[in-house]
């Protein structure tokens, strides 16, 4: 299973409805409130996310196994981490940044 969930767009501007993610040092908007499933991400100093993610768009997908899809990636940017309701992992494949989301 590979189902597209949202498009993540980095921003340096505060956005209406954004929430702070403790420990990750980011602000995000809820993609479910966007008619185009856009999640804006604003990175703060000390974030756990690598510099590449501060400038490149990512596509998020629900997967049945992070391990299975991460093994197909060219590079793992952020290893499997706890995302609250799901596990997250950020990878690069053919130049694209992909967020893998596996339900707990």
PDB file of N, CA and C in Angstrom:
ATOM      1  N   UNK A   1       0.840  -1.175   0.000  1.00  0.00           N
ATOM      2  CA  UNK A   1       0.000   0.000   0.000  1.00  0.00           C
ATOM      3  C   UNK A   1       0.893   1.249   0.000  1.00  0.00           C
ATOM      4  N   UNK A   2       0.539   2.203  -0.835  1.00  0.00           N
ATOM      5  CA  UNK A   2       1.237   3.490  -0.903  1.00  0.00           C
ATOM      6  C   UNK A   2       0.197   4.527  -1.284  1.00  0.00           C
ATOM      7  N   UNK A   3      -0.272   5.280  -0.294  1.00  0.00           N
ATOM      8  CA  UNK A   3      -1.359   6.244  -0.500  1.00  0.00           C
ATOM      9  C   UNK A   3      -0.868   7.650  -0.172  1.00  0.00           C
ATOM     10  N   UNK A   4      -0.921   8.565  -1.147  1.00  0.00           N
ATOM     11  CA  UNK A   4      -0.482   9.941  -0.935  1.00  0.00           C
ATOM     12  C   UNK A   4      -1.416  10.625   0.071  1.00  0.00           C
ATOM     13  N   UNK A   5      -0.830  11.308   1.070  1.00  0.00           N
ATOM     14  CA  UNK A   5      -1.592  11.951   2.142  1.00  0.00           C
ATOM     15  C   UNK A   5      -1.545  13.470   2.041  1.00  0.00           C
ATOM     16  N   UNK A   6      -0.349  14.016   1.829  1.00  0.00           N
ATOM     17  CA  UNK A   6      -0.228  15.471   1.724  1.00  0.00           C
ATOM     18  C   UNK A   6       1.063  15.856   1.016  1.00  0.00           C
ATOM     19  N   UNK A   7       1.146  17.137   0.698  1.00  0.00           N
ATOM     20  CA  UNK A   7       2.358  17.728   0.148  1.00  0.00           C
ATOM     21  C   UNK A   7       2.891  18.683   1.209  1.00  0.00           C
ATOM     22  N   UNK A   8       4.141  18.506   1.588  1.00  0.00           N
ATOM     23  CA  UNK A   8       4.763  19.355   2.597  1.00  0.00           C
ATOM     24  C   UNK A   8       5.583  20.448   1.938  1.00  0.00           C
ATOM     25  N   UNK A   9       5.281  21.687   2.279  1.00  0.00           N
ATOM     26  CA  UNK A   9       5.971  22.833   1.685  1.00  0.00           C
ATOM     27  C   UNK A   9       6.676  23.614   2.784  1.00  0.00           C
ATOM     28  N   UNK A  10       8.009  23.721   2.696  1.00  0.00           N
ATOM     29  CA  UNK A  10       8.722  24.509   3.701  1.00  0.00           C
ATOM     30  C   UNK A  10       8.429  25.993   3.547  1.00  0.00           C
ATOM     31  N   UNK A  11       8.384  26.685   4.670  1.00  0.00           N
ATOM     32  CA  UNK A  11       8.133  28.120   4.653  1.00  0.00           C
ATOM     33  C   UNK A  11       8.922  28.785   5.779  1.00  0.00           C
ATOM     34  N   UNK A  12       9.188  30.048   5.623  1.00  0.00           N
ATOM     35  CA  UNK A  12       9.808  30.829   6.703  1.00  0.00           C
ATOM     36  C   UNK A  12       8.784  31.765   7.330  1.00  0.00           C
ATOM     37  N   UNK A  13       7.574  31.768   6.780  1.00  0.00           N
ATOM     38  CA  UNK A  13       6.497  32.637   7.247  1.00  0.00           C
ATOM     39  C   UNK A  13       5.576  31.891   8.208  1.00  0.00           C
ATOM     40  N   UNK A  14       5.125  32.553   9.253  1.00  0.00           N
ATOM     41  CA  UNK A  14       4.114  31.991  10.140  1.00  0.00           C
ATOM     42  C   UNK A  14       2.814  31.849   9.341  1.00  0.00           C
ATOM     43  N   UNK A  15       2.124  30.731   9.520  1.00  0.00           N
ATOM     44  CA  UNK A  15       0.873  30.471   8.788  1.00  0.00           C
ATOM     45  C   UNK A  15      -0.284  30.313   9.765  1.00  0.00           C
ATOM     46  N   UNK A  16      -1.449  30.763   9.357  1.00  0.00           N
ATOM     47  CA  UNK A  16      -2.655  30.628  10.170  1.00  0.00           C
ATOM     48  C   UNK A  16      -2.915  29.150  10.466  1.00  0.00           C
ATOM     49  N   UNK A  17      -3.195  28.838  11.720  1.00  0.00           N
ATOM     50  CA  UNK A  17      -3.534  27.477  12.105  1.00  0.00           C
ATOM     51  C   UNK A  17      -2.338  26.581  12.383  1.00  0.00           C
ATOM     52  N   UNK A  18      -1.121  27.120  12.285  1.00  0.00           N
ATOM     53  CA  UNK A  18       0.049  26.284  12.521  1.00  0.00           C
ATOM     54  C   UNK A  18       0.150  25.910  14.000  1.00  0.00           C
ATOM     55  N   UNK A  19       0.730  24.750  14.251  1.00  0.00           N
ATOM     56  CA  UNK A  19       0.960  24.304  15.621  1.00  0.00           C
ATOM     57  C   UNK A  19       2.417  23.903  15.785  1.00  0.00           C
ATOM     58  N   UNK A  20       2.897  24.087  16.982  1.00  0.00           N
ATOM     59  CA  UNK A  20       4.277  23.759  17.325  1.00  0.00           C
ATOM     60  C   UNK A  20       4.390  22.269  17.644  1.00  0.00           C
ATOM     61  N   UNK A  21       5.444  21.636  17.148  1.00  0.00           N
ATOM     62  CA  UNK A  21       5.703  20.226  17.438  1.00  0.00           C
ATOM     63  C   UNK A  21       6.904  20.158  18.382  1.00  0.00           C
ATOM     64  N   UNK A  22       6.650  19.920  19.684  1.00  0.00           N
ATOM     65  CA  UNK A  22       7.737  19.881  20.658  1.00  0.00           C
ATOM     66  C   UNK A  22       8.757  18.791  20.320  1.00  0.00           C
ATOM     67  N   UNK A  23      10.017  19.108  20.515  1.00  0.00           N
ATOM     68  CA  UNK A  23      11.082  18.145  20.260  1.00  0.00           C
ATOM     69  C   UNK A  23      11.561  18.143  18.826  1.00  0.00           C
ATOM     70  N   UNK A  24      10.649  18.402  17.893  1.00  0.00           N
ATOM     71  CA  UNK A  24      11.021  18.450  16.476  1.00  0.00           C
ATOM     72  C   UNK A  24      11.466  19.850  16.078  1.00  0.00           C
ATOM     73  N   UNK A  25      11.053  20.835  16.876  1.00  0.00           N
ATOM     74  CA  UNK A  25      11.364  22.242  16.624  1.00  0.00           C
ATOM     75  C   UNK A  25      10.871  22.703  15.245  1.00  0.00           C
ATOM     76  N   UNK A  26       9.590  22.448  15.003  1.00  0.00           N
ATOM     77  CA  UNK A  26       8.927  22.893  13.779  1.00  0.00           C
ATOM     78  C   UNK A  26       7.519  23.369  14.123  1.00  0.00           C
ATOM     79  N   UNK A  27       6.966  24.148  13.215  1.00  0.00           N
ATOM     80  CA  UNK A  27       5.548  24.481  13.208  1.00  0.00           C
ATOM     81  C   UNK A  27       4.973  23.867  11.944  1.00  0.00           C
ATOM     82  N   UNK A  28       3.772  23.289  12.034  1.00  0.00           N
ATOM     83  CA  UNK A  28       3.113  22.708  10.864  1.00  0.00           C
ATOM     84  C   UNK A  28       1.659  23.132  10.813  1.00  0.00           C
ATOM     85  N   UNK A  29       1.130  23.205   9.608  1.00  0.00           N
ATOM     86  CA  UNK A  29      -0.306  23.447   9.432  1.00  0.00           C
ATOM     87  C   UNK A  29      -0.972  22.105   9.169  1.00  0.00           C
ATOM     88  N   UNK A  30      -2.238  21.967   9.501  1.00  0.00           N
ATOM     89  CA  UNK A  30      -2.935  20.700   9.279  1.00  0.00           C
ATOM     90  C   UNK A  30      -3.332  20.526   7.803  1.00  0.00           C
ATOM     91  N   UNK A  31      -2.771  19.553   7.126  1.00  0.00           N
ATOM     92  CA  UNK A  31      -3.084  19.369   5.701  1.00  0.00           C
ATOM     93  C   UNK A  31      -4.555  19.029   5.453  1.00  0.00           C
ATOM     94  N   UNK A  32      -5.218  18.436   6.439  1.00  0.00           N
ATOM     95  CA  UNK A  32      -6.626  18.075   6.259  1.00  0.00           C
ATOM     96  C   UNK A  32      -7.530  19.304   6.172  1.00  0.00           C
ATOM     97  N   UNK A  33      -7.011  20.470   6.553  1.00  0.00           N
ATOM     98  CA  UNK A  33      -7.790  21.709   6.442  1.00  0.00           C
ATOM     99  C   UNK A  33      -7.503  22.461   5.146  1.00  0.00           C
ATOM    100  N   UNK A  34      -6.591  21.929   4.345  1.00  0.00           N
ATOM    101  CA  UNK A  34      -6.264  22.545   3.057  1.00  0.00           C
ATOM    102  C   UNK A  34      -7.015  21.819   1.941  1.00  0.00           C
ATOM    103  N   UNK A  35      -7.656  22.548   1.035  1.00  0.00           N
ATOM    104  CA  UNK A  35      -8.361  21.877  -0.067  1.00  0.00           C
ATOM    105  C   UNK A  35      -7.405  21.133  -1.008  1.00  0.00           C
ATOM    106  N   UNK A  36      -6.112  21.439  -0.901  1.00  0.00           N
ATOM    107  CA  UNK A  36      -5.111  20.786  -1.749  1.00  0.00           C
ATOM    108  C   UNK A  36      -4.185  19.879  -0.950  1.00  0.00           C
ATOM    109  N   UNK A  37      -4.540  19.577   0.307  1.00  0.00           N
ATOM    110  CA  UNK A  37      -3.748  18.700   1.184  1.00  0.00           C
ATOM    111  C   UNK A  37      -2.321  19.203   1.353  1.00  0.00           C
ATOM    112  N   UNK A  38      -2.181  20.522   1.538  1.00  0.00           N
ATOM    113  CA  UNK A  38      -0.862  21.120   1.738  1.00  0.00           C
ATOM    114  C   UNK A  38      -0.594  21.260   3.229  1.00  0.00           C
ATOM    115  N   UNK A  39       0.606  20.841   3.623  1.00  0.00           N
ATOM    116  CA  UNK A  39       1.100  21.031   4.980  1.00  0.00           C
ATOM    117  C   UNK A  39       2.284  21.996   4.886  1.00  0.00           C
ATOM    118  N   UNK A  40       2.153  23.157   5.497  1.00  0.00           N
ATOM    119  CA  UNK A  40       3.282  24.086   5.541  1.00  0.00           C
ATOM    120  C   UNK A  40       4.135  23.740   6.753  1.00  0.00           C
ATOM    121  N   UNK A  41       5.449  23.720   6.560  1.00  0.00           N
ATOM    122  CA  UNK A  41       6.387  23.374   7.628  1.00  0.00           C
ATOM    123  C   UNK A  41       7.360  24.531   7.818  1.00  0.00           C
ATOM    124  N   UNK A  42       7.422  25.034   9.042  1.00  0.00           N
ATOM    125  CA  UNK A  42       8.368  26.103   9.378  1.00  0.00           C
ATOM    126  C   UNK A  42       9.368  25.542  10.374  1.00  0.00           C
ATOM    127  N   UNK A  43      10.624  25.493   9.958  1.00  0.00           N
ATOM    128  CA  UNK A  43      11.695  24.907  10.756  1.00  0.00           C
ATOM    129  C   UNK A  43      12.322  25.960  11.669  1.00  0.00           C
ATOM    130  N   UNK A  44      12.596  25.578  12.900  1.00  0.00           N
ATOM    131  CA  UNK A  44      13.226  26.451  13.886  1.00  0.00           C
ATOM    132  C   UNK A  44      14.672  26.011  14.111  1.00  0.00           C
ATOM    133  N   UNK A  45      15.503  26.897  14.651  1.00  0.00           N
ATOM    134  CA  UNK A  45      16.859  26.494  14.990  1.00  0.00           C
ATOM    135  C   UNK A  45      16.824  25.283  15.937  1.00  0.00           C
ATOM    136  N   UNK A  46      17.715  24.337  15.715  1.00  0.00           N
ATOM    137  CA  UNK A  46      17.781  23.147  16.550  1.00  0.00           C
ATOM    138  C   UNK A  46      16.837  22.041  16.132  1.00  0.00           C
ATOM    139  N   UNK A  47      16.171  22.194  14.984  1.00  0.00           N
ATOM    140  CA  UNK A  47      15.262  21.154  14.510  1.00  0.00           C
ATOM    141  C   UNK A  47      16.008  19.842  14.260  1.00  0.00           C
ATOM    142  N   UNK A  48      15.273  18.744  14.369  1.00  0.00           N
ATOM    143  CA  UNK A  48      15.856  17.422  14.109  1.00  0.00           C
ATOM    144  C   UNK A  48      15.927  17.125  12.608  1.00  0.00           C
ATOM    145  N   UNK A  49      15.303  17.972  11.810  1.00  0.00           N
ATOM    146  CA  UNK A  49      15.238  17.721  10.371  1.00  0.00           C
ATOM    147  C   UNK A  49      16.443  18.323   9.645  1.00  0.00           C
ATOM    148  N   UNK A  50      17.004  17.579   8.673  1.00  0.00           N
ATOM    149  CA  UNK A  50      18.195  18.053   7.959  1.00  0.00           C
ATOM    150  C   UNK A  50      17.915  19.276   7.091  1.00  0.00           C
ATOM    151  N   UNK A  51      18.968  20.005   6.811  1.00  0.00           N
ATOM    152  CA  UNK A  51      18.906  21.250   6.033  1.00  0.00           C
ATOM    153  C   UNK A  51      18.169  21.082   4.704  1.00  0.00           C
ATOM    154  N   UNK A  52      18.364  19.973   4.018  1.00  0.00           N
ATOM    155  CA  UNK A  52      17.706  19.747   2.719  1.00  0.00           C
ATOM    156  C   UNK A  52      16.193  19.888   2.821  1.00  0.00           C
ATOM    157  N   UNK A  53      15.633  19.479   3.937  1.00  0.00           N
ATOM    158  CA  UNK A  53      14.185  19.539   4.100  1.00  0.00           C
ATOM    159  C   UNK A  53      13.681  20.956   4.329  1.00  0.00           C
ATOM    160  N   UNK A  54      14.566  21.878   4.662  1.00  0.00           N
ATOM    161  CA  UNK A  54      14.166  23.263   4.910  1.00  0.00           C
ATOM    162  C   UNK A  54      13.824  23.990   3.611  1.00  0.00           C
ATOM    163  N   UNK A  55      14.208  23.420   2.479  1.00  0.00           N
ATOM    164  CA  UNK A  55      14.043  24.092   1.180  1.00  0.00           C
ATOM    165  C   UNK A  55      13.308  23.262   0.141  1.00  0.00           C
ATOM    166  N   UNK A  56      13.262  21.954   0.311  1.00  0.00           N
ATOM    167  CA  UNK A  56      12.642  21.071  -0.685  1.00  0.00           C
ATOM    168  C   UNK A  56      11.257  20.623  -0.245  1.00  0.00           C
ATOM    169  N   UNK A  57      10.346  20.559  -1.181  1.00  0.00           N
ATOM    170  CA  UNK A  57       8.993  20.041  -0.954  1.00  0.00           C
ATOM    171  C   UNK A  57       9.093  18.537  -0.696  1.00  0.00           C
ATOM    172  N   UNK A  58       8.184  18.013   0.128  1.00  0.00           N
ATOM    173  CA  UNK A  58       8.111  16.560   0.300  1.00  0.00           C
ATOM    174  C   UNK A  58       6.685  16.085   0.045  1.00  0.00           C
ATOM    175  N   UNK A  59       6.574  14.827  -0.306  1.00  0.00           N
ATOM    176  CA  UNK A  59       5.278  14.183  -0.495  1.00  0.00           C
ATOM    177  C   UNK A  59       5.149  13.135   0.600  1.00  0.00           C
ATOM    178  N   UNK A  60       4.030  13.164   1.315  1.00  0.00           N
ATOM    179  CA  UNK A  60       3.794  12.211   2.399  1.00  0.00           C
ATOM    180  C   UNK A  60       2.863  11.111   1.927  1.00  0.00           C
ATOM    181  N   UNK A  61       3.179   9.895   2.337  1.00  0.00           N
ATOM    182  CA  UNK A  61       2.377   8.748   1.942  1.00  0.00           C
ATOM    183  C   UNK A  61       2.181   7.793   3.106  1.00  0.00           C
ATOM    184  N   UNK A  62       0.958   7.267   3.230  1.00  0.00           N
ATOM    185  CA  UNK A  62       0.701   6.173   4.161  1.00  0.00           C
ATOM    186  C   UNK A  62       1.264   4.913   3.536  1.00  0.00           C
ATOM    187  N   UNK A  63       1.963   4.150   4.336  1.00  0.00           N
ATOM    188  CA  UNK A  63       2.509   2.873   3.862  1.00  0.00           C
ATOM    189  C   UNK A  63       2.179   1.792   4.878  1.00  0.00           C
ATOM    190  N   UNK A  64       2.199   0.552   4.429  1.00  0.00           N
ATOM    191  CA  UNK A  64       1.933  -0.555   5.338  1.00  0.00           C
ATOM    192  C   UNK A  64       3.180  -0.978   6.097  1.00  0.00           C
ATOM    193  N   UNK A  65       4.359  -0.578   5.590  1.00  0.00           N
ATOM    194  CA  UNK A  65       5.614  -0.921   6.260  1.00  0.00           C
ATOM    195  C   UNK A  65       6.688   0.105   5.920  1.00  0.00           C
ATOM    196  N   UNK A  66       7.107   0.880   6.913  1.00  0.00           N
ATOM    197  CA  UNK A  66       8.191   1.840   6.691  1.00  0.00           C
ATOM    198  C   UNK A  66       9.451   1.110   6.254  1.00  0.00           C
ATOM    199  N   UNK A  67       9.746   0.005   6.909  1.00  0.00           N
ATOM    200  CA  UNK A  67      10.968  -0.731   6.600  1.00  0.00           C
ATOM    201  C   UNK A  67      11.009  -1.154   5.132  1.00  0.00           C
ATOM    202  N   UNK A  68       9.886  -1.629   4.614  1.00  0.00           N
ATOM    203  CA  UNK A  68       9.812  -2.090   3.221  1.00  0.00           C
ATOM    204  C   UNK A  68      10.115  -0.950   2.247  1.00  0.00           C
ATOM    205  N   UNK A  69       9.491   0.203   2.455  1.00  0.00           N
ATOM    206  CA  UNK A  69       9.685   1.324   1.527  1.00  0.00           C
ATOM    207  C   UNK A  69      11.013   2.048   1.755  1.00  0.00           C
ATOM    208  N   UNK A  70      11.463   2.117   2.998  1.00  0.00           N
ATOM    209  CA  UNK A  70      12.765   2.741   3.274  1.00  0.00           C
ATOM    210  C   UNK A  70      13.888   1.960   2.597  1.00  0.00           C
ATOM    211  N   UNK A  71      13.729   0.659   2.492  1.00  0.00           N
ATOM    212  CA  UNK A  71      14.744  -0.181   1.830  1.00  0.00           C
ATOM    213  C   UNK A  71      14.853   0.132   0.338  1.00  0.00           C
ATOM    214  N   UNK A  72      13.817   0.730  -0.235  1.00  0.00           N
ATOM    215  CA  UNK A  72      13.817   1.074  -1.670  1.00  0.00           C
ATOM    216  C   UNK A  72      14.386   2.470  -1.927  1.00  0.00           C
ATOM    217  N   UNK A  73      14.623   3.223  -0.868  1.00  0.00           N
ATOM    218  CA  UNK A  73      15.081   4.611  -0.994  1.00  0.00           C
ATOM    219  C   UNK A  73      16.561   4.689  -1.337  1.00  0.00           C
ATOM    220  N   UNK A  74      16.945   5.827  -1.908  1.00  0.00           N
ATOM    221  CA  UNK A  74      18.357   6.095  -2.190  1.00  0.00           C
ATOM    222  C   UNK A  74      19.079   6.565  -0.928  1.00  0.00           C
ATOM    223  N   UNK A  75      18.341   7.252  -0.037  1.00  0.00           N
ATOM    224  CA  UNK A  75      18.936   7.823   1.171  1.00  0.00           C
ATOM    225  C   UNK A  75      17.866   7.961   2.242  1.00  0.00           C
ATOM    226  N   UNK A  76      18.221   7.693   3.476  1.00  0.00           N
ATOM    227  CA  UNK A  76      17.318   7.939   4.598  1.00  0.00           C
ATOM    228  C   UNK A  76      17.731   9.264   5.227  1.00  0.00           C
ATOM    229  N   UNK A  77      16.837  10.238   5.173  1.00  0.00           N
ATOM    230  CA  UNK A  77      17.117  11.570   5.721  1.00  0.00           C
ATOM    231  C   UNK A  77      16.840  11.630   7.219  1.00  0.00           C
ATOM    232  N   UNK A  78      15.708  11.053   7.629  1.00  0.00           N
ATOM    233  CA  UNK A  78      15.329  10.980   9.040  1.00  0.00           C
ATOM    234  C   UNK A  78      14.850   9.564   9.292  1.00  0.00           C
ATOM    235  N   UNK A  79      15.566   8.806  10.132  1.00  0.00           N
ATOM    236  CA  UNK A  79      15.151   7.430  10.401  1.00  0.00           C
ATOM    237  C   UNK A  79      13.789   7.371  11.082  1.00  0.00           C
ATOM    238  N   UNK A  80      13.235   6.186  11.153  1.00  0.00           N
ATOM    239  CA  UNK A  80      11.921   5.965  11.758  1.00  0.00           C
ATOM    240  C   UNK A  80      11.845   6.644  13.117  1.00  0.00           C
ATOM    241  N   UNK A  81      10.782   7.446  13.289  1.00  0.00           N
ATOM    242  CA  UNK A  81      10.592   8.192  14.531  1.00  0.00           C
ATOM    243  C   UNK A  81       9.122   8.183  14.915  1.00  0.00           C
ATOM    244  N   UNK A  82       8.850   8.468  16.162  1.00  0.00           N
ATOM    245  CA  UNK A  82       7.484   8.505  16.666  1.00  0.00           C
ATOM    246  C   UNK A  82       6.823   9.798  16.232  1.00  0.00           C
ATOM    247  N   UNK A  83       5.719   9.693  15.500  1.00  0.00           N
ATOM    248  CA  UNK A  83       4.988  10.860  15.048  1.00  0.00           C
ATOM    249  C   UNK A  83       3.650  11.015  15.736  1.00  0.00           C
ATOM    250  N   UNK A  84       3.499  10.388  16.904  1.00  0.00           N
ATOM    251  CA  UNK A  84       2.226  10.464  17.622  1.00  0.00           C
ATOM    252  C   UNK A  84       1.316   9.319  17.239  1.00  0.00           C
ATOM    253  N   UNK A  85       0.400   9.579  16.308  1.00  0.00           N
ATOM    254  CA  UNK A  85      -0.547   8.544  15.879  1.00  0.00           C
ATOM    255  C   UNK A  85       0.072   7.552  14.891  1.00  0.00           C
ATOM    256  N   UNK A  86       1.256   7.896  14.384  1.00  0.00           N
ATOM    257  CA  UNK A  86       1.898   7.014  13.413  1.00  0.00           C
ATOM    258  C   UNK A  86       3.414   7.110  13.538  1.00  0.00           C
ATOM    259  N   UNK A  87       4.084   6.173  12.885  1.00  0.00           N
ATOM    260  CA  UNK A  87       5.538   6.221  12.757  1.00  0.00           C
ATOM    261  C   UNK A  87       5.865   7.005  11.508  1.00  0.00           C
ATOM    262  N   UNK A  88       6.961   7.769  11.531  1.00  0.00           N
ATOM    263  CA  UNK A  88       7.387   8.570  10.383  1.00  0.00           C
ATOM    264  C   UNK A  88       8.823   8.235  10.005  1.00  0.00           C
ATOM    265  N   UNK A  89       9.132   8.412   8.738  1.00  0.00           N
ATOM    266  CA  UNK A  89      10.490   8.268   8.234  1.00  0.00           C
ATOM    267  C   UNK A  89      10.570   9.128   6.979  1.00  0.00           C
ATOM    268  N   UNK A  90      11.656   9.862   6.820  1.00  0.00           N
ATOM    269  CA  UNK A  90      11.830  10.698   5.631  1.00  0.00           C
ATOM    270  C   UNK A  90      12.979  10.141   4.807  1.00  0.00           C
ATOM    271  N   UNK A  91      12.697   9.928   3.522  1.00  0.00           N
ATOM    272  CA  UNK A  91      13.689   9.347   2.626  1.00  0.00           C
ATOM    273  C   UNK A  91      13.812  10.192   1.363  1.00  0.00           C
ATOM    274  N   UNK A  92      14.864   9.914   0.616  1.00  0.00           N
ATOM    275  CA  UNK A  92      15.024  10.535  -0.701  1.00  0.00           C
ATOM    276  C   UNK A  92      15.062   9.407  -1.726  1.00  0.00           C
ATOM    277  N   UNK A  93      14.279   9.550  -2.774  1.00  0.00           N
ATOM    278  CA  UNK A  93      14.251   8.593  -3.879  1.00  0.00           C
ATOM    279  C   UNK A  93      14.230   9.382  -5.181  1.00  0.00           C
ATOM    280  N   UNK A  94      15.212   9.128  -6.029  1.00  0.00           N
ATOM    281  CA  UNK A  94      15.314   9.816  -7.324  1.00  0.00           C
ATOM    282  C   UNK A  94      15.228  11.338  -7.162  1.00  0.00           C
ATOM    283  N   UNK A  95      15.820  11.855  -6.103  1.00  0.00           N
ATOM    284  CA  UNK A  95      15.862  13.295  -5.873  1.00  0.00           C
ATOM    285  C   UNK A  95      14.677  13.852  -5.091  1.00  0.00           C
ATOM    286  N   UNK A  96      13.607  13.083  -4.960  1.00  0.00           N
ATOM    287  CA  UNK A  96      12.402  13.549  -4.259  1.00  0.00           C
ATOM    288  C   UNK A  96      12.456  13.168  -2.793  1.00  0.00           C
ATOM    289  N   UNK A  97      11.963  14.062  -1.933  1.00  0.00           N
ATOM    290  CA  UNK A  97      11.847  13.749  -0.513  1.00  0.00           C
ATOM    291  C   UNK A  97      10.445  13.180  -0.266  1.00  0.00           C
ATOM    292  N   UNK A  98      10.421  12.019   0.379  1.00  0.00           N
ATOM    293  CA  UNK A  98       9.163  11.331   0.643  1.00  0.00           C
ATOM    294  C   UNK A  98       9.053  11.052   2.144  1.00  0.00           C
ATOM    295  N   UNK A  99       7.919  11.413   2.703  1.00  0.00           N
ATOM    296  CA  UNK A  99       7.620  11.101   4.098  1.00  0.00           C
ATOM    297  C   UNK A  99       6.816   9.819   4.124  1.00  0.00           C
ATOM    298  N   UNK A 100       7.333   8.818   4.782  1.00  0.00           N
ATOM    299  CA  UNK A 100       6.614   7.546   4.937  1.00  0.00           C
ATOM    300  C   UNK A 100       5.891   7.572   6.274  1.00  0.00           C
ATOM    301  N   UNK A 101       4.609   7.242   6.256  1.00  0.00           N
ATOM    302  CA  UNK A 101       3.784   7.284   7.460  1.00  0.00           C
ATOM    303  C   UNK A 101       3.135   5.909   7.654  1.00  0.00           C
ATOM    304  N   UNK A 102       3.445   5.270   8.770  1.00  0.00           N
ATOM    305  CA  UNK A 102       2.872   3.952   9.081  1.00  0.00           C
ATOM    306  C   UNK A 102       2.038   4.056  10.352  1.00  0.00           C
ATOM    307  N   UNK A 103       0.772   3.662  10.278  1.00  0.00           N
ATOM    308  CA  UNK A 103      -0.076   3.699  11.464  1.00  0.00           C
ATOM    309  C   UNK A 103       0.456   2.755  12.525  1.00  0.00           C
ATOM    310  N   UNK A 104       0.304   3.166  13.790  1.00  0.00           N
ATOM    311  CA  UNK A 104       0.755   2.322  14.908  1.00  0.00           C
ATOM    312  C   UNK A 104      -0.239   1.207  15.148  1.00  0.00           C
TER     313      UNK A 104
END
